[in-house]
Amino acid sequence: MNACLPHVDFPLFLVLWNQRQGQRTPRLHLRMADFLQKNWEKGETRLLLMAFRSAGKSTVAGIFASWLLYRNPDLRILVLAADQSLAKKMVRNVRRIIERHPLTAHLKPAGPDQWASDRFTVNRNKELRDPSMLAGGLGGNITGSRADVVICDDVEVPATCETAEKRETLRARLAEMAYVLSPGGTQLYLGTPHHYYSIYAHTPRAEQGEEKEFLHGFTRLVLPVLDENGNSVWPERFTAEDIERLKISTGPNKFESQMMLRPVNSAEGRLDPSSLSIYDHELDYTSELGALFIGPKKMVAASAWWDPALGKSGGDRSVLAVVFADAEGELYLNHMEYITLPEKLALDEATEQCRIIATLAKIHYLPSLTVEINGIGRFLPNILRKEMSRASVPCSVREVSSTRAKDLRILEAFDALLAARRLHAHVNVTRTPFMLEMREWRPGVNGQDDGLDAAAGAMLLHPDRLGNFPRKGGHVWMRTSRQSQAKTDFKV
């Protein structure tokens, strides 16, 4: 961290600027200012300021950048945003502050060539190759740049996080900051989460293979619009009535994500993973009773659906779903197998996959297994039967050709069960790509849904079982009509 000169504190610097603009300084902004200055002076080099939409975090960060240059004109600051125009917006704002703030006018250079809209250099002691402040977009080339401070301002937006590929690209670009920062340099992230798999998430997402959250080790200040008592943290700007209107107009997901800073998918997903009932019981087969249990529940039926694919990277995935049912009509998604094979195989790929499926059928005590024969699946059932026989697995193989649209099958299988909370999932299922597929799936939108399709196929093989209805103690209120014989004086 660069040594700081004994100048005014940042909160006072902020108040002086607001007074020059004829504005009051909200208490919320003073909290941000206090967080930024204290951590800067403590030498914390990894900071996250996460505040609700329209909280003014970028404005405060721009004034903070001006204060840093006021304290040390030799600093180099890079502003990185989702696109170049947003980054330039902060750079222009900092440039105006330096021109007009009562404590920084001496920093403005004499030459106009040092005072551009996307970069500028203040009067400083050192002769450095990089400007005092530079704007960059995520898609731009910043490979040759060096900075003492990198401000990542709203790098996560729908355009950079709406698909798994875009989220991976975003993380890869941000990882390059390690090569841009000077030794001991500071990273400051500003933003709001736009997706459940947000870079700002405070816990790792195991289903993505994360062992640590993306911003692990960052010092955080998280400012949702409502405090722990349900009161607005900026009542002058967001009254209780304003917040209620926002809830209605934006929808629950967007409000939770953008205003309460709880990472969910801002795009309203159709399938909600939180509606799954998670269990960790293992299958318990009792041969003496001829019964299979999951926890205390006795299973009465099992189904398995294999949607095969021969694995080319980026194509469809080969997935097996195993579902059990109890007598009350509850379904248990006990296993999701996304089949992957090593590059070097002892046998052909089809046989290797069939051997994996046969092993899983044995482990799960499956009486039958359904293979979807659309496309490449047509020749697999006989290979699978051969492997079942070779491994002495007493499981029959059924062949099915799917003709209905995939979206309709998925909706038919999941909608009612999730709404009624009658679908259970083993904890191991939550560690597979299945959960990501659920969160991102929307009808009519292309995406990875092979696991959803396999699970839907297995679930639709089960009839809708109803529990036993009580027969005793019923109320008889619908009387049947009695027969009557009337006397007549005519003959037919």
Protein backbone atom coordinates (compact mmCIF):
# COMPACT_ATOMS: atom_id res chain seq x y z
CA MET A 1 0.00 0.00 0.00
CA ASN A 2 1.31 3.46 -0.83
CA ALA A 3 2.16 5.72 2.03
CA CYS A 4 -0.60 8.28 2.65
CA LEU A 5 0.09 11.96 3.17
CA PRO A 6 -1.56 13.69 6.17
CA HIS A 7 -4.46 15.26 4.33
CA VAL A 8 -8.19 15.41 5.14
CA ASP A 9 -10.09 12.19 5.70
CA PHE A 10 -12.25 10.78 2.95
CA PRO A 11 -15.63 11.37 4.68
CA LEU A 12 -14.78 15.09 4.97
CA PHE A 13 -13.54 15.12 1.36
CA LEU A 14 -16.91 13.62 0.36
CA VAL A 15 -18.92 16.15 2.40
CA LEU A 16 -16.96 19.08 0.93
CA TRP A 17 -17.72 17.87 -2.59
CA ASN A 18 -21.43 17.46 -1.86
CA GLN A 19 -21.56 20.93 -0.31
CA ARG A 20 -19.95 22.34 -3.47
CA GLN A 21 -22.76 20.61 -5.41
CA GLY A 22 -25.44 21.96 -3.06
CA GLN A 23 -26.28 18.47 -1.77
CA ARG A 24 -26.49 16.82 1.63
CA THR A 25 -24.44 13.70 2.33
CA PRO A 26 -26.61 10.67 3.18
CA ARG A 27 -25.61 8.59 6.19
CA LEU A 28 -25.44 5.60 3.83
CA HIS A 29 -22.66 7.27 1.82
CA LEU A 30 -20.74 8.08 4.98
CA ARG A 31 -20.83 4.36 5.87
CA MET A 32 -19.34 3.58 2.47
CA ALA A 33 -16.71 6.30 2.88
CA ASP A 34 -15.74 5.06 6.33
CA PHE A 35 -15.41 1.48 5.02
CA LEU A 36 -13.20 2.55 2.10
CA GLN A 37 -10.85 4.80 4.08
CA LYS A 38 -10.39 2.47 7.06
CA ASN A 39 -9.56 -0.52 4.90
CA TRP A 40 -7.27 1.50 2.64
CA GLU A 41 -5.30 2.75 5.63
CA LYS A 42 -5.23 -0.72 7.22
CA GLY A 43 -3.62 -2.06 4.06
CA GLU A 44 -6.54 -4.27 2.99
CA THR A 45 -6.00 -4.78 -0.73
CA ARG A 46 -9.11 -6.81 -1.63
CA LEU A 47 -12.39 -5.02 -1.06
CA LEU A 48 -16.02 -5.59 -2.06
CA LEU A 49 -18.63 -2.85 -1.73
CA MET A 50 -21.97 -4.46 -2.50
CA ALA A 51 -24.95 -2.11 -2.28
CA PHE A 52 -28.47 -2.08 -3.71
CA ARG A 53 -29.32 -0.55 -7.08
CA SER A 54 -29.25 3.27 -7.13
CA ALA A 55 -27.43 3.40 -3.78
CA GLY A 56 -24.75 5.66 -5.27
CA LYS A 57 -21.87 3.24 -4.80
CA SER A 58 -20.24 4.17 -8.13
CA THR A 59 -20.56 7.87 -7.27
CA VAL A 60 -18.89 7.36 -3.89
CA ALA A 61 -16.19 5.19 -5.50
CA GLY A 62 -15.47 7.94 -8.05
CA ILE A 63 -15.01 10.48 -5.27
CA PHE A 64 -12.83 7.92 -3.47
CA ALA A 65 -10.62 7.67 -6.56
CA SER A 66 -10.30 11.48 -6.55
CA TRP A 67 -9.34 11.36 -2.87
CA LEU A 68 -6.69 8.72 -3.57
CA LEU A 69 -5.10 10.93 -6.24
CA TYR A 70 -5.33 13.90 -3.87
CA ARG A 71 -3.43 11.85 -1.26
CA ASN A 72 -0.95 10.36 -3.73
CA PRO A 73 -0.85 11.83 -7.27
CA ASP A 74 1.52 9.07 -8.42
CA LEU A 75 -1.15 6.37 -8.16
CA ARG A 76 -2.39 4.61 -11.31
CA ILE A 77 -6.07 3.66 -11.28
CA LEU A 78 -7.83 1.36 -13.76
CA VAL A 79 -11.64 1.33 -13.95
CA LEU A 80 -12.98 -1.90 -15.40
CA ALA A 81 -16.67 -2.24 -16.29
CA ALA A 82 -18.89 -4.56 -18.32
CA ASP A 83 -18.50 -2.18 -21.27
CA GLN A 84 -16.20 0.69 -22.12
CA SER A 85 -18.92 3.37 -21.95
CA LEU A 86 -19.71 2.61 -18.29
CA ALA A 87 -16.03 2.75 -17.35
CA LYS A 88 -15.62 6.06 -19.20
CA LYS A 89 -18.56 7.44 -17.24
CA MET A 90 -16.65 7.04 -13.96
CA VAL A 91 -13.42 8.43 -15.43
CA ARG A 92 -15.25 11.54 -16.70
CA ASN A 93 -16.84 11.99 -13.28
CA VAL A 94 -13.48 11.80 -11.50
CA ARG A 95 -12.01 14.27 -13.97
CA ARG A 96 -14.79 16.81 -13.18
CA ILE A 97 -14.30 16.30 -9.44
CA ILE A 98 -10.58 17.03 -9.72
CA GLU A 99 -11.36 20.19 -11.72
CA ARG A 100 -13.94 21.52 -9.24
CA HIS A 101 -13.19 20.14 -5.79
CA PRO A 102 -11.68 22.85 -3.55
CA LEU A 103 -8.78 20.54 -2.57
CA THR A 104 -7.78 19.12 -5.97
CA ALA A 105 -7.70 21.93 -8.54
CA HIS A 106 -3.89 21.94 -8.44
CA LEU A 107 -3.86 18.40 -9.87
CA LYS A 108 -5.25 19.40 -13.28
CA PRO A 109 -2.48 19.36 -15.92
CA ALA A 110 -1.86 22.28 -18.25
CA GLY A 111 -1.84 20.22 -21.46
CA PRO A 112 -5.21 19.07 -22.90
CA ASP A 113 -3.58 15.91 -24.25
CA GLN A 114 -3.35 14.67 -20.65
CA TRP A 115 -7.06 15.27 -20.00
CA ALA A 116 -9.09 12.91 -22.27
CA SER A 117 -12.52 11.43 -21.53
CA ASP A 118 -11.31 7.83 -21.18
CA ARG A 119 -7.94 8.55 -19.55
CA PHE A 120 -6.15 11.41 -17.85
CA THR A 121 -2.91 12.14 -16.02
CA VAL A 122 -2.74 14.56 -13.08
CA ASN A 123 0.27 16.66 -12.14
CA ARG A 124 2.55 14.13 -10.46
CA ASN A 125 6.14 13.65 -9.40
CA LYS A 126 6.93 10.42 -11.23
CA GLU A 127 7.20 9.93 -14.98
CA LEU A 128 5.06 6.83 -15.57
CA ARG A 129 3.99 5.07 -18.75
CA ASP A 130 0.38 4.55 -17.59
CA PRO A 131 -2.08 7.41 -16.97
CA SER A 132 -3.41 8.36 -13.56
CA MET A 133 -6.79 6.93 -14.48
CA LEU A 134 -7.84 4.71 -17.38
CA ALA A 135 -11.22 3.30 -18.46
CA GLY A 136 -11.43 -0.27 -19.74
CA GLY A 137 -14.18 -2.64 -20.82
CA LEU A 138 -14.22 -6.37 -20.11
CA GLY A 139 -13.87 -7.11 -23.80
CA GLY A 140 -11.05 -4.63 -24.34
CA ASN A 141 -7.32 -5.21 -24.42
CA ILE A 142 -5.73 -4.23 -21.11
CA THR A 143 -2.88 -6.74 -21.26
CA GLY A 144 -0.15 -4.09 -21.34
CA SER A 145 -1.66 -1.89 -18.64
CA ARG A 146 -0.37 -1.60 -15.09
CA ALA A 147 -2.31 -0.17 -12.15
CA ASP A 148 -1.97 0.32 -8.41
CA VAL A 149 -5.75 0.25 -7.96
CA VAL A 150 -8.31 -1.61 -10.07
CA ILE A 151 -11.96 -0.63 -9.59
CA CYS A 152 -14.29 -3.30 -11.01
CA ASP A 153 -17.51 -1.34 -11.41
CA ASP A 154 -20.60 -3.45 -12.20
CA VAL A 155 -18.69 -6.07 -14.16
CA GLU A 156 -21.50 -8.55 -13.48
CA VAL A 157 -24.58 -7.59 -15.49
CA PRO A 158 -27.12 -9.80 -17.32
CA ALA A 159 -25.03 -9.64 -20.50
CA THR A 160 -22.01 -11.13 -18.69
CA CYS A 161 -23.69 -13.74 -16.47
CA GLU A 162 -26.91 -15.03 -18.07
CA THR A 163 -25.35 -18.31 -19.30
CA ALA A 164 -22.74 -20.67 -17.89
CA GLU A 165 -20.37 -19.85 -20.76
CA LYS A 166 -20.63 -16.10 -20.11
CA ARG A 167 -20.03 -16.58 -16.39
CA GLU A 168 -16.94 -18.63 -17.15
CA THR A 169 -15.67 -15.93 -19.53
CA LEU A 170 -16.30 -13.24 -16.90
CA ARG A 171 -14.29 -15.12 -14.29
CA ALA A 172 -11.46 -15.72 -16.74
CA ARG A 173 -11.25 -12.02 -17.64
CA LEU A 174 -11.28 -10.95 -14.00
CA ALA A 175 -8.56 -13.46 -13.18
CA GLU A 176 -6.28 -11.49 -15.53
CA MET A 177 -6.30 -8.60 -13.04
CA ALA A 178 -3.51 -10.37 -11.17
CA TYR A 179 -1.21 -9.49 -14.10
CA VAL A 180 -2.37 -5.87 -14.27
CA LEU A 181 -2.02 -5.00 -10.58
CA SER A 182 1.30 -3.75 -9.30
CA PRO A 183 2.76 -5.59 -6.28
CA GLY A 184 0.60 -4.76 -3.25
CA GLY A 185 -2.06 -3.22 -5.49
CA THR A 186 -5.71 -2.93 -4.48
CA GLN A 187 -8.80 -4.45 -6.07
CA LEU A 188 -12.16 -2.83 -5.33
CA TYR A 189 -15.33 -4.50 -6.58
CA LEU A 190 -18.60 -2.56 -6.78
CA GLY A 191 -21.83 -4.25 -7.77
CA THR A 192 -25.03 -6.15 -7.15
CA PRO A 193 -25.61 -9.86 -7.82
CA HIS A 194 -27.51 -10.76 -11.00
CA HIS A 195 -27.48 -14.54 -10.72
CA TYR A 196 -27.39 -17.34 -8.16
CA TYR A 197 -23.90 -18.19 -9.44
CA SER A 198 -22.74 -14.62 -8.85
CA ILE A 199 -19.10 -13.64 -8.50
CA TYR A 200 -20.23 -11.84 -5.32
CA ALA A 201 -21.69 -14.98 -3.66
CA HIS A 202 -20.41 -15.37 -0.10
CA THR A 203 -20.35 -19.19 -0.21
CA PRO A 204 -18.87 -21.54 -2.83
CA ARG A 205 -21.23 -23.26 -5.27
CA ALA A 206 -20.37 -26.95 -4.90
CA GLU A 207 -22.41 -27.94 -7.96
CA GLN A 208 -20.04 -25.79 -10.04
CA GLY A 209 -17.03 -27.48 -8.51
CA GLU A 210 -16.12 -24.44 -6.40
CA GLU A 211 -14.17 -25.11 -3.21
CA LYS A 212 -13.97 -21.39 -2.40
CA GLU A 213 -16.19 -18.50 -3.41
CA PHE A 214 -14.83 -16.37 -6.28
CA LEU A 215 -14.03 -13.37 -4.05
CA HIS A 216 -12.63 -15.49 -1.24
CA GLY A 217 -10.70 -13.45 1.29
CA PHE A 218 -12.22 -10.10 0.25
CA THR A 219 -13.26 -7.66 2.97
CA ARG A 220 -16.95 -6.97 2.37
CA LEU A 221 -19.46 -4.24 3.06
CA VAL A 222 -22.96 -5.43 2.13
CA LEU A 223 -25.74 -2.82 2.19
CA PRO A 224 -29.22 -4.12 1.27
CA VAL A 225 -32.03 -1.58 1.01
CA LEU A 226 -33.68 -2.95 4.17
CA ASP A 227 -31.81 -3.45 7.43
CA GLU A 228 -32.29 -6.42 9.78
CA ASN A 229 -35.37 -4.70 11.27
CA GLY A 230 -36.99 -4.18 7.87
CA ASN A 231 -36.32 -0.42 7.77
CA SER A 232 -34.97 1.48 4.78
CA VAL A 233 -31.25 2.27 5.04
CA TRP A 234 -31.83 5.41 2.93
CA PRO A 235 -35.30 6.64 3.96
CA GLU A 236 -34.87 10.02 2.24
CA ARG A 237 -34.51 8.27 -1.13
CA PHE A 238 -36.39 4.98 -0.64
CA THR A 239 -39.46 5.25 1.57
CA ALA A 240 -41.43 2.19 2.70
CA GLU A 241 -43.99 2.94 -0.03
CA ASP A 242 -41.26 3.19 -2.68
CA ILE A 243 -39.85 -0.18 -1.64
CA GLU A 244 -43.27 -1.87 -1.76
CA ARG A 245 -43.83 -0.50 -5.28
CA LEU A 246 -40.41 -1.85 -6.30
CA LYS A 247 -41.28 -5.31 -5.00
CA ILE A 248 -44.43 -5.38 -7.11
CA SER A 249 -42.99 -3.84 -10.28
CA THR A 250 -39.73 -5.82 -10.44
CA GLY A 251 -40.89 -9.22 -9.18
CA PRO A 252 -39.54 -11.25 -6.26
CA ASN A 253 -36.37 -12.56 -7.91
CA LYS A 254 -35.12 -9.22 -9.14
CA PHE A 255 -35.94 -7.49 -5.85
CA GLU A 256 -34.11 -10.16 -3.84
CA SER A 257 -31.10 -9.95 -6.13
CA GLN A 258 -30.82 -6.24 -6.87
CA MET A 259 -32.19 -4.68 -3.69
CA MET A 260 -31.61 -7.26 -0.95
CA LEU A 261 -28.32 -8.56 -2.45
CA ARG A 262 -29.23 -12.23 -2.12
CA PRO A 263 -27.87 -14.02 -5.19
CA VAL A 264 -30.72 -15.49 -7.22
CA ASN A 265 -31.36 -15.58 -10.94
CA SER A 266 -32.81 -12.16 -11.83
CA ALA A 267 -34.54 -13.75 -14.82
CA GLU A 268 -37.60 -15.48 -13.45
CA GLY A 269 -36.83 -19.19 -13.75
CA ARG A 270 -39.67 -21.68 -14.15
CA LEU A 271 -38.18 -24.41 -11.94
CA ASP A 272 -37.19 -23.45 -8.41
CA PRO A 273 -34.56 -25.74 -6.82
CA SER A 274 -35.54 -24.49 -3.36
CA SER A 275 -38.82 -26.40 -3.79
CA LEU A 276 -36.91 -29.69 -3.69
CA SER A 277 -36.90 -31.56 -0.38
CA ILE A 278 -33.29 -32.66 0.16
CA TYR A 279 -32.48 -35.91 1.97
CA ASP A 280 -29.27 -37.79 2.74
CA HIS A 281 -30.59 -41.30 3.50
CA GLU A 282 -29.03 -44.15 1.55
CA LEU A 283 -30.99 -47.02 0.00
CA ASP A 284 -31.74 -49.72 2.58
CA TYR A 285 -32.67 -53.06 1.00
CA THR A 286 -33.91 -55.82 3.33
CA SER A 287 -33.88 -59.12 1.48
CA GLU A 288 -35.77 -60.96 4.25
CA LEU A 289 -38.73 -58.61 3.88
CA GLY A 290 -38.27 -58.06 0.17
CA ALA A 291 -38.50 -54.31 0.86
CA LEU A 292 -36.51 -51.20 -0.04
CA PHE A 293 -36.46 -48.13 2.21
CA ILE A 294 -35.26 -44.54 1.95
CA GLY A 295 -35.08 -43.45 5.57
CA PRO A 296 -38.37 -44.48 7.23
CA LYS A 297 -40.25 -44.54 3.91
CA LYS A 298 -40.88 -47.81 2.12
CA MET A 299 -40.47 -47.59 -1.64
CA VAL A 300 -43.14 -49.20 -3.82
CA ALA A 301 -41.71 -48.50 -7.30
CA ALA A 302 -38.55 -47.52 -9.14
CA SER A 303 -37.81 -46.09 -12.56
CA ALA A 304 -34.65 -45.20 -14.44
CA TRP A 305 -34.30 -43.27 -17.68
CA TRP A 306 -31.15 -43.16 -19.76
CA ASP A 307 -30.85 -40.41 -22.35
CA PRO A 308 -27.64 -41.53 -24.10
CA ALA A 309 -25.15 -39.47 -26.05
CA LEU A 310 -21.70 -40.17 -27.40
CA GLY A 311 -19.66 -37.46 -25.79
CA LYS A 312 -18.34 -34.71 -27.94
CA SER A 313 -17.41 -31.61 -26.02
CA GLY A 314 -20.20 -29.02 -26.16
CA GLY A 315 -22.86 -31.47 -27.38
CA ASP A 316 -25.59 -33.36 -25.57
CA ARG A 317 -24.60 -35.18 -22.41
CA SER A 318 -25.28 -38.84 -21.62
CA VAL A 319 -27.41 -38.84 -18.46
CA LEU A 320 -29.09 -41.49 -16.29
CA ALA A 321 -31.81 -40.52 -13.79
CA VAL A 322 -33.03 -42.90 -11.05
CA VAL A 323 -36.35 -42.16 -9.32
CA PHE A 324 -38.16 -44.05 -6.54
CA ALA A 325 -41.74 -43.65 -5.30
CA ASP A 326 -43.49 -44.34 -2.00
CA ALA A 327 -47.12 -45.33 -1.43
CA GLU A 328 -48.16 -41.72 -0.81
CA GLY A 329 -47.12 -40.55 -4.27
CA GLU A 330 -43.90 -38.83 -3.18
CA LEU A 331 -41.05 -39.15 -5.70
CA TYR A 332 -37.37 -39.47 -4.77
CA LEU A 333 -34.76 -38.38 -7.31
CA ASN A 334 -32.06 -40.58 -5.83
CA HIS A 335 -29.31 -40.42 -8.45
CA MET A 336 -28.23 -38.36 -11.46
CA GLU A 337 -25.31 -39.75 -13.43
CA TYR A 338 -23.65 -37.48 -15.99
CA ILE A 339 -21.51 -40.07 -17.74
CA THR A 340 -17.93 -39.10 -18.53
CA LEU A 341 -15.26 -41.40 -19.93
CA PRO A 342 -11.47 -41.16 -19.97
CA GLU A 343 -9.74 -40.39 -23.26
CA LYS A 344 -8.17 -43.84 -23.47
CA LEU A 345 -10.77 -46.62 -23.42
CA ALA A 346 -10.30 -50.37 -23.10
CA LEU A 347 -13.42 -50.94 -25.23
CA ASP A 348 -15.59 -48.88 -27.55
CA GLU A 349 -17.45 -45.92 -26.04
CA ALA A 350 -20.91 -47.49 -26.30
CA THR A 351 -19.87 -50.62 -24.39
CA GLU A 352 -18.04 -48.59 -21.74
CA GLN A 353 -21.16 -46.49 -21.14
CA CYS A 354 -23.37 -49.58 -20.98
CA ARG A 355 -21.07 -51.11 -18.35
CA ILE A 356 -21.44 -47.99 -16.21
CA ILE A 357 -25.23 -48.13 -16.57
CA ALA A 358 -25.30 -51.85 -15.67
CA THR A 359 -23.28 -51.16 -12.52
CA LEU A 360 -25.65 -48.36 -11.50
CA ALA A 361 -28.67 -50.59 -12.12
CA LYS A 362 -27.19 -53.18 -9.76
CA ILE A 363 -26.34 -50.63 -7.06
CA HIS A 364 -29.88 -49.19 -7.11
CA TYR A 365 -31.73 -52.56 -7.21
CA LEU A 366 -33.49 -51.55 -10.42
CA PRO A 367 -36.02 -54.05 -11.81
CA SER A 368 -36.10 -52.25 -15.17
CA LEU A 369 -34.41 -49.43 -17.03
CA THR A 370 -35.69 -47.34 -19.94
CA VAL A 371 -33.43 -46.27 -22.80
CA GLU A 372 -34.45 -43.39 -25.04
CA ILE A 373 -33.68 -44.66 -28.53
CA ASN A 374 -33.99 -41.37 -30.43
CA GLY A 375 -30.83 -40.90 -32.47
CA ILE A 376 -27.84 -42.93 -31.32
CA GLY A 377 -29.80 -44.84 -28.68
CA ARG A 378 -31.26 -47.31 -31.20
CA PHE A 379 -28.37 -49.75 -31.06
CA LEU A 380 -27.65 -49.39 -27.33
CA PRO A 381 -30.44 -51.52 -25.75
CA ASN A 382 -29.00 -54.80 -27.03
CA ILE A 383 -25.49 -53.83 -25.92
CA LEU A 384 -26.92 -52.90 -22.52
CA ARG A 385 -28.79 -56.22 -22.24
CA LYS A 386 -25.54 -58.03 -22.97
CA GLU A 387 -23.71 -56.08 -20.26
CA MET A 388 -26.55 -56.67 -17.78
CA SER A 389 -26.25 -60.40 -18.43
CA ARG A 390 -22.46 -60.34 -18.18
CA ALA A 391 -22.64 -58.59 -14.79
CA SER A 392 -25.55 -60.80 -13.57
CA VAL A 393 -27.84 -57.80 -13.08
CA PRO A 394 -31.54 -58.85 -12.97
CA CYS A 395 -32.76 -55.70 -14.71
CA SER A 396 -34.87 -55.62 -17.86
CA VAL A 397 -34.24 -53.04 -20.57
CA ARG A 398 -37.10 -51.13 -22.19
CA GLU A 399 -36.87 -49.06 -25.36
CA VAL A 400 -38.78 -45.80 -25.76
CA SER A 401 -38.85 -43.27 -28.57
CA SER A 402 -39.81 -39.77 -27.36
CA THR A 403 -42.14 -37.89 -29.69
CA ARG A 404 -43.41 -35.06 -27.46
CA ALA A 405 -41.59 -31.73 -27.23
CA LYS A 406 -38.90 -31.71 -24.54
CA ASP A 407 -40.23 -28.51 -22.91
CA LEU A 408 -43.68 -30.05 -22.48
CA ARG A 409 -42.26 -33.22 -20.93
CA ILE A 410 -40.20 -31.23 -18.43
CA LEU A 411 -43.12 -29.01 -17.44
CA GLU A 412 -45.50 -31.95 -17.10
CA ALA A 413 -43.06 -33.83 -14.89
CA PHE A 414 -41.86 -31.03 -12.62
CA ASP A 415 -44.50 -28.30 -12.33
CA ALA A 416 -47.12 -29.95 -10.13
CA LEU A 417 -44.65 -31.97 -8.04
CA LEU A 418 -42.54 -28.93 -7.19
CA ALA A 419 -45.61 -26.83 -6.39
CA ALA A 420 -46.87 -29.55 -4.02
CA ARG A 421 -43.34 -30.16 -2.65
CA ARG A 422 -43.69 -33.86 -3.43
CA LEU A 423 -40.32 -34.16 -5.17
CA HIS A 424 -37.34 -35.15 -3.02
CA ALA A 425 -33.70 -35.18 -4.13
CA HIS A 426 -30.68 -36.89 -2.63
CA VAL A 427 -28.00 -34.51 -1.39
CA ASN A 428 -25.58 -35.91 -3.99
CA VAL A 429 -27.92 -34.73 -6.75
CA THR A 430 -27.37 -31.14 -5.55
CA ARG A 431 -23.67 -31.52 -6.38
CA THR A 432 -24.30 -32.31 -10.04
CA PRO A 433 -25.07 -30.01 -13.01
CA PHE A 434 -28.75 -30.86 -12.45
CA MET A 435 -29.20 -27.93 -10.04
CA LEU A 436 -27.71 -25.46 -12.51
CA GLU A 437 -30.02 -26.80 -15.22
CA MET A 438 -33.03 -26.25 -12.94
CA ARG A 439 -32.08 -22.67 -12.12
CA GLU A 440 -31.45 -21.66 -15.72
CA TRP A 441 -34.18 -23.56 -17.53
CA ARG A 442 -36.89 -21.55 -19.26
CA PRO A 443 -39.34 -22.90 -21.85
CA GLY A 444 -38.36 -22.10 -25.41
CA VAL A 445 -34.79 -21.08 -24.55
CA ASN A 446 -31.93 -23.24 -25.77
CA GLY A 447 -29.61 -24.42 -23.04
CA GLN A 448 -28.25 -27.44 -21.24
CA ASP A 449 -31.22 -29.53 -20.10
CA ASP A 450 -30.16 -33.16 -20.65
CA GLY A 451 -30.38 -33.93 -16.93
CA LEU A 452 -33.83 -32.35 -16.68
CA ASP A 453 -34.98 -34.37 -19.67
CA ALA A 454 -33.73 -37.66 -18.21
CA ALA A 455 -35.27 -36.91 -14.80
CA ALA A 456 -38.57 -35.95 -16.43
CA GLY A 457 -38.60 -39.22 -18.36
CA ALA A 458 -38.05 -41.25 -15.18
CA MET A 459 -40.66 -39.28 -13.23
CA LEU A 460 -43.35 -39.63 -15.90
CA LEU A 461 -43.03 -43.43 -15.74
CA HIS A 462 -44.68 -43.30 -12.30
CA PRO A 463 -48.47 -43.11 -12.02
CA ASP A 464 -49.98 -40.44 -9.79
CA ARG A 465 -50.45 -42.45 -6.61
CA LEU A 466 -52.94 -41.27 -4.01
CA GLY A 467 -52.83 -42.21 -0.36
CA ASN A 468 -55.52 -44.32 1.30
CA PHE A 469 -58.79 -42.52 1.89
CA PRO A 470 -60.59 -43.02 5.23
CA ARG A 471 -63.75 -45.09 4.83
CA LYS A 472 -65.14 -45.07 8.37
CA GLY A 473 -66.85 -42.10 9.96
CA GLY A 474 -68.07 -40.62 6.69
CA HIS A 475 -71.11 -38.34 6.50
CA VAL A 476 -73.99 -39.69 4.43
CA TRP A 477 -75.88 -36.72 3.10
CA MET A 478 -76.71 -37.72 -0.47
CA ARG A 479 -79.75 -40.00 -0.23
CA THR A 480 -80.59 -42.27 -3.14
CA SER A 481 -84.11 -41.90 -4.53
CA ARG A 482 -86.65 -44.51 -3.38
CA GLN A 483 -88.81 -46.55 -5.73
CA SER A 484 -92.55 -45.87 -5.55
CA GLN A 485 -95.49 -47.61 -7.20
CA ALA A 486 -98.41 -45.49 -8.27
CA LYS A 487 -101.92 -46.78 -8.93
CA THR A 488 -103.40 -45.85 -12.28
CA ASP A 489 -106.82 -46.33 -13.89
CA PHE A 490 -105.59 -47.15 -17.38
CA LYS A 491 -104.00 -50.16 -18.98
CA VAL A 492 -101.16 -50.36 -21.48
